[in-house]
């Protein structure tokens, strides 16, 4: 339906509109600054004015929705700081709303209007954006043809060469407009590129550090077997984003507190690309060798409620019920019930990256300043789960890379 509408309604209408404007400018070259509204006949001026504004609203809404989708996909790839994503539809995963991105767009739009003050500089910025989007689209389509579709090289060249030549001519003609307002979109792009690169690089260094220094089951069992480690009463839910293995912050926690709760559950949350996860598939649990230490992977669909605070007792009861199903004896079940009755605490590991002297100035600037600033000011990883603050303990650890 989309292809049909574009081919037989949208595209012919655009061609006729631009052809009409071109014919009008050939006859009235002095009207170039206001070609569109000058070419509209006076009897239909106000209907066209209203229609144009409605079309602008639709176009702006498309841009906003596209920004939400791009940010969501970038966040899923780990190359954009965490933002709050609200799924507004129970049927379509891609129908979302991001409050932070929405307000950022509002501030940028107001700033551009105030900064440019007239339509000439704004048109220069818009023209630069449009032509570069066309060039990037052509290049990415060529890569898809080459790497995904396995298209023959001659067909790829038949597509790429004509389009890049035409778009290259437009791009070079717009170079003179860069000092006259065309630099603004490049500045905005450079800012977001810096943010995304800093976040991706910092996250990759953090993941590499944790993968190299994660605890083994043997090391965990050895630490818990020491007489110096006190088993505190109660149940502890230790949150981490490391799906495989035991994060090094647990080693740090045991070494500096010399204590472990009699029941400790290492919990990781994961959101799946499905609307809802069945209750029987939500919790994947397993025992980690030592008595009282378990692993729990909690899975959510994008439309599932991920709040722990709203139903904290229900969450704890569900995890304990799943653990009891995998219990090896009645004594283990009794220990789980006894520990839960004595109290539950949620422990959140907070890591801070710091570079050592072996790194160059560029890496130190990215990690120590940009990534740390983003990590400090972006939305906390467990904020969407609303972990109850009265039962929360934060444990910090410095990762020196």
Protein backbone atom coordinates (compact mmCIF):
# COMPACT_ATOMS: atom_id res chain seq x y z
CA UNK A 1 0.00 0.00 0.00
CA UNK A 2 2.86 2.37 0.84
CA UNK A 3 4.60 1.64 -2.48
CA UNK A 4 1.36 2.14 -4.39
CA UNK A 5 0.56 5.44 -2.64
CA UNK A 6 4.05 6.81 -3.22
CA UNK A 7 4.25 5.71 -6.86
CA UNK A 8 0.81 6.85 -8.01
CA UNK A 9 -0.11 9.72 -5.65
CA UNK A 10 2.83 11.24 -3.79
CA UNK A 11 5.49 11.09 -6.50
CA UNK A 12 3.32 12.48 -9.36
CA UNK A 13 2.05 15.26 -7.07
CA UNK A 14 5.61 16.24 -6.11
CA UNK A 15 6.77 16.26 -9.74
CA UNK A 16 3.83 18.46 -10.78
CA UNK A 17 4.37 20.83 -7.85
CA UNK A 18 8.08 21.30 -8.51
CA UNK A 19 7.50 21.54 -12.27
CA UNK A 20 4.90 24.25 -11.66
CA UNK A 21 7.26 26.19 -9.39
CA UNK A 22 10.04 25.90 -11.96
CA UNK A 23 7.78 27.21 -14.74
CA UNK A 24 6.68 30.09 -12.51
CA UNK A 25 10.30 31.04 -11.68
CA UNK A 26 11.27 30.96 -15.36
CA UNK A 27 8.54 33.51 -16.02
CA UNK A 28 9.06 35.50 -12.77
CA UNK A 29 12.75 35.14 -11.73
CA UNK A 30 12.41 38.03 -9.25
CA UNK A 31 10.09 35.90 -7.06
CA UNK A 32 12.78 33.36 -6.10
CA UNK A 33 12.73 34.30 -2.40
CA UNK A 34 9.03 33.40 -2.10
CA UNK A 35 8.47 31.07 -5.02
CA UNK A 36 5.99 28.68 -3.41
CA UNK A 37 3.35 31.10 -2.09
CA UNK A 38 3.83 33.53 -4.98
CA UNK A 39 3.00 30.78 -7.46
CA UNK A 40 -0.25 29.91 -5.69
CA UNK A 41 -3.36 31.56 -7.26
CA UNK A 42 -5.04 34.03 -4.90
CA UNK A 43 -8.42 32.20 -4.71
CA UNK A 44 -6.74 29.09 -3.23
CA UNK A 45 -4.05 30.88 -1.23
CA UNK A 46 -5.53 30.31 2.23
CA UNK A 47 -6.53 26.68 1.63
CA UNK A 48 -2.97 26.02 0.42
CA UNK A 49 -1.57 27.89 3.42
CA UNK A 50 -3.56 25.70 5.83
CA UNK A 51 -2.71 22.53 3.90
CA UNK A 52 1.00 23.42 3.89
CA UNK A 53 1.02 23.91 7.65
CA UNK A 54 -0.77 20.61 8.19
CA UNK A 55 1.77 18.91 5.92
CA UNK A 56 4.59 20.50 7.94
CA UNK A 57 3.07 19.09 11.14
CA UNK A 58 2.88 15.60 9.61
CA UNK A 59 6.47 15.87 8.37
CA UNK A 60 7.72 17.03 11.78
CA UNK A 61 5.88 14.17 13.47
CA UNK A 62 7.58 11.73 11.10
CA UNK A 63 10.97 13.19 12.02
CA UNK A 64 10.21 12.94 15.75
CA UNK A 65 9.09 9.30 15.42
CA UNK A 66 12.18 8.51 13.37
CA UNK A 67 14.40 10.05 16.07
CA UNK A 68 12.71 7.89 18.71
CA UNK A 69 13.27 4.74 16.63
CA UNK A 70 16.91 5.55 15.85
CA UNK A 71 17.67 6.26 19.50
CA UNK A 72 15.98 3.02 20.59
CA UNK A 73 17.96 0.98 18.07
CA UNK A 74 21.20 2.75 18.99
CA UNK A 75 20.52 2.10 22.66
CA UNK A 76 19.90 -1.58 21.93
CA UNK A 77 23.30 -1.72 20.19
CA UNK A 78 24.94 -0.12 23.22
CA UNK A 79 26.05 3.04 21.44
CA UNK A 80 23.69 5.58 23.01
CA UNK A 81 23.18 6.52 26.67
CA UNK A 82 20.13 5.10 28.40
CA UNK A 83 16.92 7.08 27.99
CA UNK A 84 13.40 6.35 29.15
CA UNK A 85 11.41 4.55 26.44
CA UNK A 86 7.62 4.31 26.74
CA UNK A 87 5.81 1.82 24.50
CA UNK A 88 2.53 3.47 23.55
CA UNK A 89 1.08 0.47 21.72
CA UNK A 90 0.42 -3.07 22.84
CA UNK A 91 0.52 -4.30 19.23
CA UNK A 92 3.47 -2.53 17.60
CA UNK A 93 6.92 -2.65 19.20
CA UNK A 94 8.16 0.34 17.21
CA UNK A 95 5.46 2.72 18.46
CA UNK A 96 7.38 4.44 21.26
CA UNK A 97 7.87 7.75 23.04
CA UNK A 98 11.12 9.08 24.57
CA UNK A 99 10.55 12.08 26.88
CA UNK A 100 14.24 13.12 27.00
CA UNK A 101 14.60 13.03 23.21
CA UNK A 102 11.32 14.89 22.75
CA UNK A 103 12.43 17.76 25.01
CA UNK A 104 15.87 17.83 23.36
CA UNK A 105 14.22 18.24 19.96
CA UNK A 106 12.01 21.00 21.33
CA UNK A 107 15.01 22.92 22.71
CA UNK A 108 16.96 22.48 19.47
CA UNK A 109 14.02 23.68 17.35
CA UNK A 110 13.47 26.77 19.50
CA UNK A 111 17.21 27.47 19.54
CA UNK A 112 17.48 27.20 15.75
CA UNK A 113 14.55 29.57 15.19
CA UNK A 114 15.94 32.12 17.65
CA UNK A 115 19.49 31.75 16.35
CA UNK A 116 18.75 31.99 12.62
CA UNK A 117 16.07 34.71 12.91
CA UNK A 118 15.20 34.42 9.19
CA UNK A 119 14.42 31.73 6.66
CA UNK A 120 17.50 32.14 4.47
CA UNK A 121 20.06 30.70 6.90
CA UNK A 122 17.55 28.06 7.99
CA UNK A 123 17.05 27.05 4.35
CA UNK A 124 20.83 26.74 3.93
CA UNK A 125 21.01 24.40 6.92
CA UNK A 126 18.03 22.41 5.66
CA UNK A 127 19.53 22.09 2.17
CA UNK A 128 22.82 20.81 3.57
CA UNK A 129 20.99 18.21 5.65
CA UNK A 130 18.84 17.00 2.76
CA UNK A 131 21.68 16.48 0.31
CA UNK A 132 23.87 14.71 2.87
CA UNK A 133 20.98 12.43 3.82
CA UNK A 134 20.64 11.56 0.13
CA UNK A 135 24.37 10.81 -0.17
CA UNK A 136 24.43 8.70 3.00
CA UNK A 137 21.32 6.81 1.87
CA UNK A 138 22.92 6.06 -1.50
CA UNK A 139 26.11 4.80 0.16
CA UNK A 140 24.25 2.63 2.69
CA UNK A 141 21.98 1.19 -0.01
CA UNK A 142 25.08 0.32 -2.02
CA UNK A 143 26.55 -1.49 1.00
CA UNK A 144 23.30 -3.44 1.45
CA UNK A 145 23.34 -4.42 -2.23
CA UNK A 146 26.94 -5.57 -1.89
CA UNK A 147 26.92 -7.32 1.50
CA UNK A 148 23.29 -8.43 2.03
CA UNK A 149 21.65 -8.83 -1.35
CA UNK A 150 24.85 -10.09 -3.07
CA UNK A 151 24.01 -8.03 -6.15
CA UNK A 152 26.30 -8.22 -9.17
CA UNK A 153 29.00 -5.55 -9.23
CA UNK A 154 27.82 -4.14 -12.57
CA UNK A 155 24.30 -3.60 -11.23
CA UNK A 156 25.72 -1.95 -8.12
CA UNK A 157 27.82 0.41 -10.25
CA UNK A 158 24.78 1.12 -12.44
CA UNK A 159 22.93 2.27 -9.34
CA UNK A 160 25.77 3.97 -7.45
CA UNK A 161 27.61 5.96 -10.12
CA UNK A 162 24.68 7.99 -11.58
CA UNK A 163 23.20 8.81 -8.18
CA UNK A 164 26.50 9.76 -6.55
CA UNK A 165 27.40 11.98 -9.50
CA UNK A 166 24.09 13.86 -9.35
CA UNK A 167 24.16 14.14 -5.56
CA UNK A 168 27.84 15.11 -5.65
CA UNK A 169 27.03 18.06 -7.91
CA UNK A 170 24.35 19.23 -5.45
CA UNK A 171 26.72 18.71 -2.52
CA UNK A 172 29.55 20.75 -4.06
CA UNK A 173 27.13 23.54 -4.95
CA UNK A 174 26.07 23.73 -1.30
CA UNK A 175 29.62 24.10 0.03
CA UNK A 176 29.31 27.86 -0.36
CA UNK A 177 26.29 27.78 1.97
CA UNK A 178 28.19 26.23 4.90
CA UNK A 179 29.41 29.58 6.35
CA UNK A 180 25.88 30.97 5.91
CA UNK A 181 24.14 28.59 8.30
CA UNK A 182 24.96 25.25 6.68
CA UNK A 183 27.49 24.51 9.44
CA UNK A 184 24.79 24.06 12.10
CA UNK A 185 23.68 20.50 11.21
CA UNK A 186 27.33 19.43 11.01
CA UNK A 187 27.93 20.84 14.49
CA UNK A 188 24.88 19.02 15.87
CA UNK A 189 25.98 15.80 14.15
CA UNK A 190 29.51 16.15 15.57
CA UNK A 191 28.07 16.59 19.06
CA UNK A 192 25.92 13.44 18.89
CA UNK A 193 28.75 11.50 17.23
CA UNK A 194 31.00 12.42 20.16
CA UNK A 195 28.35 11.33 22.66
CA UNK A 196 27.71 8.00 20.91
CA UNK A 197 31.40 7.21 20.38
CA UNK A 198 32.26 8.03 24.00
CA UNK A 199 29.44 5.86 25.32
CA UNK A 200 30.22 2.94 23.00
CA UNK A 201 33.95 3.06 23.72
CA UNK A 202 33.44 3.32 27.48
CA UNK A 203 30.95 0.45 27.51
CA UNK A 204 33.24 -1.75 25.43
CA UNK A 205 36.19 -1.11 27.77
CA UNK A 206 34.00 -1.84 30.77
CA UNK A 207 32.73 -5.10 29.23
CA UNK A 208 36.28 -6.15 28.36
CA UNK A 209 37.42 -5.44 31.93
CA UNK A 210 34.59 -7.50 33.43
CA UNK A 211 35.12 -10.37 30.98
CA UNK A 212 38.82 -10.57 31.88
CA UNK A 213 38.29 -10.35 35.65
CA UNK A 214 34.99 -12.13 36.25
CA UNK A 215 34.93 -14.70 39.01
CA UNK A 216 34.94 -18.42 38.43
CA UNK A 217 32.77 -20.81 40.42
CA UNK A 218 35.87 -22.27 42.04
CA UNK A 219 37.02 -18.86 43.25
CA UNK A 220 33.56 -18.04 44.61
CA UNK A 221 33.32 -21.36 46.47
CA UNK A 222 36.82 -20.87 47.87
CA UNK A 223 35.99 -17.39 49.19
CA UNK A 224 32.73 -18.53 50.79
CA UNK A 225 34.46 -21.50 52.44
CA UNK A 226 36.74 -19.21 54.47
CA UNK A 227 35.99 -18.87 58.15
CA UNK A 228 36.48 -15.10 57.90
CA UNK A 229 33.40 -14.69 55.68
CA UNK A 230 30.27 -14.14 57.76
CA UNK A 231 26.92 -15.37 56.42
CA UNK A 232 24.47 -12.59 57.32
CA UNK A 233 20.82 -13.43 57.81
CA UNK A 234 18.33 -12.60 55.09
CA UNK A 235 18.16 -12.65 51.30
CA UNK A 236 20.23 -10.47 49.00
CA UNK A 237 19.39 -9.70 45.36
CA UNK A 238 22.60 -8.57 43.68
CA UNK A 239 21.95 -6.82 40.35
CA UNK A 240 24.40 -6.89 37.46
CA UNK A 241 24.22 -6.46 33.69
CA UNK A 242 26.73 -9.27 33.11
CA UNK A 243 24.69 -12.13 31.63
CA UNK A 244 27.41 -14.79 31.67
CA UNK A 245 29.70 -15.34 34.65
CA UNK A 246 30.04 -13.68 38.04
CA UNK A 247 30.97 -9.98 37.91
CA UNK A 248 34.18 -8.83 39.64
CA UNK A 249 32.23 -6.42 41.83
CA UNK A 250 30.98 -9.41 43.86
CA UNK A 251 34.60 -10.30 44.64
CA UNK A 252 35.10 -6.67 45.63
CA UNK A 253 31.99 -6.79 47.83
CA UNK A 254 32.98 -9.98 49.66
CA UNK A 255 36.59 -8.89 50.18
CA UNK A 256 35.67 -5.55 51.73
CA UNK A 257 32.62 -6.56 53.78
CA UNK A 258 33.74 -10.11 54.68
CA UNK A 259 30.11 -11.13 54.61
CA UNK A 260 27.51 -12.69 52.34
CA UNK A 261 23.82 -13.11 52.99
CA UNK A 262 22.75 -16.68 53.64
CA UNK A 263 20.82 -16.48 50.37
CA UNK A 264 22.35 -14.41 47.56
CA UNK A 265 20.69 -14.22 44.14
CA UNK A 266 22.70 -12.65 41.31
CA UNK A 267 20.05 -11.05 39.08
CA UNK A 268 20.31 -9.84 35.49
CA UNK A 269 17.46 -8.20 33.57
CA UNK A 270 17.00 -8.70 29.85
CA UNK A 271 14.36 -7.20 27.55
CA UNK A 272 13.33 -9.41 24.63
CA UNK A 273 11.92 -8.19 21.28
CA UNK A 274 8.47 -9.64 22.05
CA UNK A 275 5.34 -7.98 23.44
CA UNK A 276 5.05 -10.10 26.58
CA UNK A 277 6.95 -12.94 28.20
CA UNK A 278 4.91 -15.80 29.63
CA UNK A 279 5.06 -16.00 33.45
CA UNK A 280 6.58 -19.49 33.35
CA UNK A 281 9.37 -18.23 31.07
CA UNK A 282 10.17 -15.02 32.96
CA UNK A 283 12.70 -16.45 35.44
CA UNK A 284 15.64 -18.67 34.52
CA UNK A 285 17.45 -19.76 37.67
CA UNK A 286 20.36 -21.97 38.59
CA UNK A 287 22.60 -22.77 41.53
CA UNK A 288 26.19 -21.51 41.57
CA UNK A 289 27.88 -24.35 43.45
CA UNK A 290 27.94 -22.92 46.97
CA UNK A 291 25.01 -23.25 49.33
CA UNK A 292 22.75 -20.23 49.17
CA UNK A 293 24.19 -18.65 45.99
CA UNK A 294 22.01 -18.60 42.88
CA UNK A 295 21.84 -17.05 39.41
CA UNK A 296 18.60 -15.56 38.06
CA UNK A 297 17.94 -14.17 34.58
CA UNK A 298 14.73 -12.10 34.53
CA UNK A 299 13.21 -11.66 31.06
CA UNK A 300 10.69 -9.00 30.03
CA UNK A 301 8.81 -8.19 26.88
CA UNK A 302 8.74 -4.60 25.70
CA UNK A 303 5.16 -4.19 26.91
CA UNK A 304 5.64 -5.89 30.28
CA UNK A 305 5.64 -3.89 33.49
CA UNK A 306 9.21 -3.93 34.83
CA UNK A 307 8.49 -2.30 38.17
CA UNK A 308 9.76 -4.05 41.29
CA UNK A 309 8.64 -1.35 43.71
CA UNK A 310 4.98 -1.69 42.76
CA UNK A 311 4.96 -5.41 43.45
CA UNK A 312 8.20 -6.06 45.37
CA UNK A 313 6.80 -8.88 47.48
CA UNK A 314 5.39 -10.52 44.38
CA UNK A 315 8.76 -10.32 42.62
CA UNK A 316 10.61 -11.84 45.59
CA UNK A 317 7.98 -14.56 45.99
CA UNK A 318 8.15 -15.43 42.28
CA UNK A 319 11.94 -15.76 42.33
CA UNK A 320 11.90 -17.84 45.52
CA UNK A 321 9.20 -20.09 44.08
CA UNK A 322 11.36 -20.68 41.02
CA UNK A 323 14.38 -21.40 43.23
CA UNK A 324 12.37 -23.92 45.24
CA UNK A 325 11.52 -25.78 42.04
CA UNK A 326 15.26 -26.33 41.52
CA UNK A 327 16.01 -27.08 45.18
CA UNK A 328 17.78 -30.37 45.80
CA UNK A 329 16.38 -31.04 49.28
CA UNK A 330 13.72 -29.97 51.76
CA UNK A 331 16.45 -28.43 53.93
CA UNK A 332 17.35 -26.08 51.07
CA UNK A 333 13.70 -25.05 50.70
CA UNK A 334 13.49 -24.34 54.44
CA UNK A 335 16.67 -22.23 54.27
CA UNK A 336 15.20 -20.19 51.40
CA UNK A 337 11.97 -19.54 53.35
CA UNK A 338 13.85 -18.70 56.53
CA UNK A 339 16.18 -16.24 54.78
CA UNK A 340 13.26 -14.50 53.04
CA UNK A 341 11.41 -14.07 56.35
CA UNK A 342 14.46 -12.37 57.91
CA UNK A 343 14.44 -9.61 55.31
CA UNK A 344 15.35 -8.79 51.72
CA UNK A 345 17.94 -6.30 50.49
CA UNK A 346 18.66 -5.21 46.91
CA UNK A 347 22.35 -4.61 46.17
CA UNK A 348 23.24 -2.60 43.06
CA UNK A 349 26.79 -2.58 41.75
CA UNK A 350 28.01 0.81 40.52
CA UNK A 351 31.25 0.85 38.56
CA UNK A 352 33.44 3.83 37.70
CA UNK A 353 36.06 3.67 34.95
CA UNK A 354 39.47 5.30 35.38
CA UNK A 355 42.41 5.15 33.00
CA UNK A 356 45.97 4.47 34.10
CA UNK A 357 49.12 6.17 32.89
CA UNK A 358 49.66 3.66 30.08
CA UNK A 359 46.82 5.20 28.06
CA UNK A 360 47.26 8.15 25.72
CA UNK A 361 45.66 11.55 26.19
CA UNK A 362 42.81 10.76 23.80
CA UNK A 363 41.71 7.62 25.71
CA UNK A 364 42.04 9.45 29.04
CA UNK A 365 39.88 12.31 27.74
CA UNK A 366 37.20 9.93 26.43
CA UNK A 367 37.03 7.73 29.55
CA UNK A 368 37.85 10.11 32.42
CA UNK A 369 35.81 13.06 31.19
CA UNK A 370 33.25 12.29 28.48
CA UNK A 371 32.19 8.74 29.43
CA UNK A 372 32.26 9.45 33.16
CA UNK A 373 30.12 12.55 32.63
CA UNK A 374 27.60 10.55 30.60
CA UNK A 375 27.59 7.71 33.11
CA UNK A 376 27.01 10.12 35.98
CA UNK A 377 24.21 12.09 34.35
CA UNK A 378 22.34 9.55 32.21
CA UNK A 379 19.43 7.50 33.47
CA UNK A 380 20.54 4.74 35.91
CA UNK A 381 20.40 1.25 34.49
CA UNK A 382 17.84 0.00 36.99
CA UNK A 383 15.71 3.13 37.07
CA UNK A 384 13.02 1.56 34.90
CA UNK A 385 12.67 -1.26 37.45
CA UNK A 386 12.00 1.19 40.31
CA UNK A 387 14.06 -0.70 42.90
CA UNK A 388 12.75 0.38 46.35
CA UNK A 389 15.28 2.88 47.80
CA UNK A 390 14.54 1.87 51.40
CA UNK A 391 15.84 -1.64 50.70
CA UNK A 392 18.66 -0.71 48.33
CA UNK A 393 22.40 -0.83 48.95
CA UNK A 394 24.81 0.55 46.35
CA UNK A 395 28.30 -0.93 46.09
CA UNK A 396 30.87 1.04 44.13
CA UNK A 397 34.01 -0.24 42.43
CA UNK A 398 36.71 1.56 40.49
CA UNK A 399 37.73 -0.13 37.22
CA UNK A 400 41.26 0.95 36.36
CA UNK A 401 41.83 0.24 32.68
